[in-house]
Amino acid sequence: MIRDARPEDARGVLAVFNPIIESGLDSVFVTPITEAAERRYIAELSDRAIFHVAVRTDDAKIVGFQSMEPFATYTAAFDHVGVVGTYVDRAARRQGVARRLFAATFEAARRKGYEKIFTYIRDDNATARAAYAAHGFRVVGTAHRHAKIQGRYVDEIIVEREL
């Protein structure tokens, strides 16, 4: 089941997110997030933000999440563009979680006036690259040596999708 995130989901979101961060793979986040910080982040989301959680129906465990916020707020020129992040628990991958998250986010994004979704993906994250491509995103560029993770530079692929 896909639903909007609530502050009380912070622990479940972090059960997915922090192991990904701690692995040093798949994400450019380098420091685990605290439950208080995540709870605050969810509680303070803007009206245009979208944050969905994927909840397994048999035990109510959060197995993935997708968040999207405006690309930039310093000018109205980017009001039609959102930047998205998608994370699925390793044990729940290849079970349709991302597909359901993308469908819900696309629908909510259209309702909120977004016309385009944009993000960066680590070049060495083949799983994410394939998932985004399968959902209609196209590569528009590469940011070389864009992140430095555990002392190693990582390129990021820039992808976008029109809604």
Protein backbone atom coordinates (compact mmCIF):
# COMPACT_ATOMS: atom_id res chain seq x y z
CA MET A 1 0.00 0.00 0.00
CA ILE A 2 1.24 3.51 -0.83
CA ARG A 3 0.23 6.42 1.38
CA ASP A 4 1.43 9.85 2.47
CA ALA A 5 4.17 9.79 5.07
CA ARG A 6 3.41 10.94 8.60
CA PRO A 7 5.91 12.08 11.26
CA GLU A 8 5.36 8.83 13.16
CA ASP A 9 6.72 6.98 10.10
CA ALA A 10 10.21 8.34 10.76
CA ARG A 11 11.55 5.14 12.37
CA GLY A 12 10.24 2.96 9.52
CA VAL A 13 11.60 5.31 6.86
CA LEU A 14 15.01 5.24 8.53
CA ALA A 15 14.95 1.44 8.75
CA VAL A 16 15.05 1.59 4.95
CA PHE A 17 17.23 4.67 4.50
CA ASN A 18 20.00 4.41 7.11
CA PRO A 19 21.28 0.98 5.99
CA ILE A 20 21.57 2.39 2.46
CA ILE A 21 23.46 5.41 3.77
CA GLU A 22 25.72 3.28 5.97
CA SER A 23 26.63 0.98 3.06
CA GLY A 24 28.25 3.87 1.20
CA LEU A 25 26.52 2.58 -1.94
CA ASP A 26 23.53 3.80 -3.93
CA SER A 27 23.21 7.22 -2.26
CA VAL A 28 25.19 10.42 -1.82
CA PHE A 29 24.03 10.74 1.78
CA VAL A 30 27.01 10.00 4.02
CA THR A 31 25.68 10.46 7.55
CA PRO A 32 22.81 8.42 9.01
CA ILE A 33 19.70 10.44 9.82
CA THR A 34 18.33 10.62 13.37
CA GLU A 35 14.73 9.75 14.09
CA ALA A 36 14.11 13.24 15.50
CA ALA A 37 15.49 14.89 12.36
CA GLU A 38 13.40 12.68 10.06
CA ARG A 39 10.27 13.24 12.12
CA ARG A 40 10.86 17.00 11.93
CA TYR A 41 11.55 16.84 8.18
CA ILE A 42 8.26 15.04 7.51
CA ALA A 43 6.30 17.34 9.83
CA GLU A 44 7.68 20.46 8.15
CA LEU A 45 7.19 19.46 4.50
CA SER A 46 5.95 22.28 2.30
CA ASP A 47 2.51 22.18 0.69
CA ARG A 48 4.12 21.33 -2.65
CA ALA A 49 6.21 18.48 -1.26
CA ILE A 50 5.25 14.86 -1.83
CA PHE A 51 6.41 12.08 0.49
CA HIS A 52 5.00 8.61 0.01
CA VAL A 53 5.76 5.46 1.95
CA ALA A 54 5.28 1.91 0.70
CA VAL A 55 3.79 -0.18 3.50
CA ARG A 56 3.71 -3.96 3.39
CA THR A 57 0.13 -5.00 4.08
CA ASP A 58 0.77 -8.17 6.09
CA ASP A 59 2.85 -6.53 8.84
CA ALA A 60 2.60 -2.74 8.19
CA LYS A 61 6.38 -2.49 7.71
CA ILE A 62 7.64 0.40 5.58
CA VAL A 63 9.60 -1.14 2.70
CA GLY A 64 10.26 1.95 0.60
CA PHE A 65 9.66 5.65 0.23
CA GLN A 66 9.77 8.37 -2.37
CA SER A 67 9.97 12.08 -1.72
CA MET A 68 9.72 15.02 -4.06
CA GLU A 69 10.14 18.71 -3.44
CA PRO A 70 10.30 21.78 -5.65
CA PHE A 71 13.56 21.92 -7.57
CA ALA A 72 14.26 25.47 -6.41
CA THR A 73 12.33 28.04 -4.45
CA TYR A 74 14.43 31.13 -5.13
CA THR A 75 12.61 31.83 -8.42
CA ALA A 76 9.19 30.98 -9.83
CA ALA A 77 10.90 29.95 -13.08
CA PHE A 78 11.30 26.42 -11.68
CA ASP A 79 7.85 26.03 -10.10
CA HIS A 80 6.95 23.32 -12.62
CA VAL A 81 9.99 21.15 -11.73
CA GLY A 82 10.27 18.72 -8.82
CA VAL A 83 13.32 16.83 -7.61
CA VAL A 84 12.69 13.25 -6.49
CA GLY A 85 14.43 10.60 -4.41
CA THR A 86 13.47 6.92 -4.28
CA TYR A 87 14.60 4.31 -1.76
CA VAL A 88 13.51 0.68 -1.45
CA ASP A 89 14.61 -1.76 1.24
CA ARG A 90 17.06 -4.24 -0.29
CA ALA A 91 14.89 -7.18 0.78
CA ALA A 92 11.84 -5.69 -0.97
CA ARG A 93 13.42 -4.91 -4.32
CA ARG A 94 12.05 -6.39 -7.54
CA GLN A 95 8.60 -6.73 -5.97
CA GLY A 96 6.91 -3.71 -7.60
CA VAL A 97 7.50 -1.28 -4.72
CA ALA A 98 9.18 1.37 -6.90
CA ARG A 99 6.52 0.96 -9.59
CA ARG A 100 3.76 1.73 -7.10
CA LEU A 101 5.70 4.64 -5.58
CA PHE A 102 6.34 6.22 -8.99
CA ALA A 103 2.66 5.87 -9.98
CA ALA A 104 1.49 7.58 -6.78
CA THR A 105 4.09 10.32 -7.03
CA PHE A 106 3.34 11.04 -10.70
CA GLU A 107 -0.35 11.38 -9.88
CA ALA A 108 0.26 13.66 -6.88
CA ALA A 109 2.80 15.71 -8.83
CA ARG A 110 0.30 16.45 -11.59
CA ARG A 111 -2.28 17.52 -9.00
CA LYS A 112 0.26 19.90 -7.45
CA GLY A 113 1.11 21.51 -10.79
CA TYR A 114 4.42 19.85 -11.56
CA GLU A 115 5.22 19.27 -15.23
CA LYS A 116 8.68 17.75 -14.96
CA ILE A 117 10.59 15.60 -12.48
CA PHE A 118 14.35 15.76 -12.19
CA THR A 119 16.99 13.95 -10.15
CA TYR A 120 20.58 12.84 -9.86
CA ILE A 121 21.55 9.15 -9.69
CA ARG A 122 24.96 7.81 -8.77
CA ASP A 123 26.52 6.55 -11.98
CA ASP A 124 27.55 3.33 -10.22
CA ASN A 125 23.96 2.62 -9.08
CA ALA A 126 22.78 0.38 -11.93
CA THR A 127 19.60 -0.61 -10.05
CA ALA A 128 18.41 3.00 -9.69
CA ARG A 129 19.39 3.86 -13.25
CA ALA A 130 17.31 0.95 -14.53
CA ALA A 131 14.36 1.81 -12.27
CA TYR A 132 14.24 5.43 -13.38
CA ALA A 133 14.64 4.46 -17.05
CA ALA A 134 11.76 1.98 -16.69
CA HIS A 135 9.59 4.85 -15.44
CA GLY A 136 10.25 7.11 -18.39
CA PHE A 137 13.23 9.12 -17.20
CA ARG A 138 15.92 9.97 -19.72
CA VAL A 139 19.54 10.84 -19.14
CA VAL A 140 20.28 14.49 -19.88
CA GLY A 141 23.83 14.71 -18.59
CA THR A 142 26.60 13.62 -16.29
CA ALA A 143 28.05 15.58 -13.38
CA HIS A 144 31.61 14.24 -13.25
CA ARG A 145 33.29 13.76 -9.86
CA HIS A 146 30.15 15.30 -8.39
CA ALA A 147 30.14 13.51 -5.04
CA LYS A 148 32.95 12.34 -2.80
CA ILE A 149 31.95 9.24 -0.85
CA GLN A 150 34.40 7.61 1.56
CA GLY A 151 37.31 9.38 -0.17
CA ARG A 152 36.26 8.32 -3.67
CA TYR A 153 34.77 10.56 -6.35
CA VAL A 154 31.49 9.44 -7.87
CA ASP A 155 29.86 10.72 -11.05
CA GLU A 156 26.15 11.45 -10.98
CA ILE A 157 23.79 10.95 -13.89
CA ILE A 158 21.18 13.66 -14.36
CA VAL A 159 17.78 12.36 -15.43
CA GLU A 160 14.42 13.95 -16.08
CA ARG A 161 10.88 13.01 -17.04
CA GLU A 162 8.07 15.14 -18.37
CA LEU A 163 4.72 14.48 -16.75
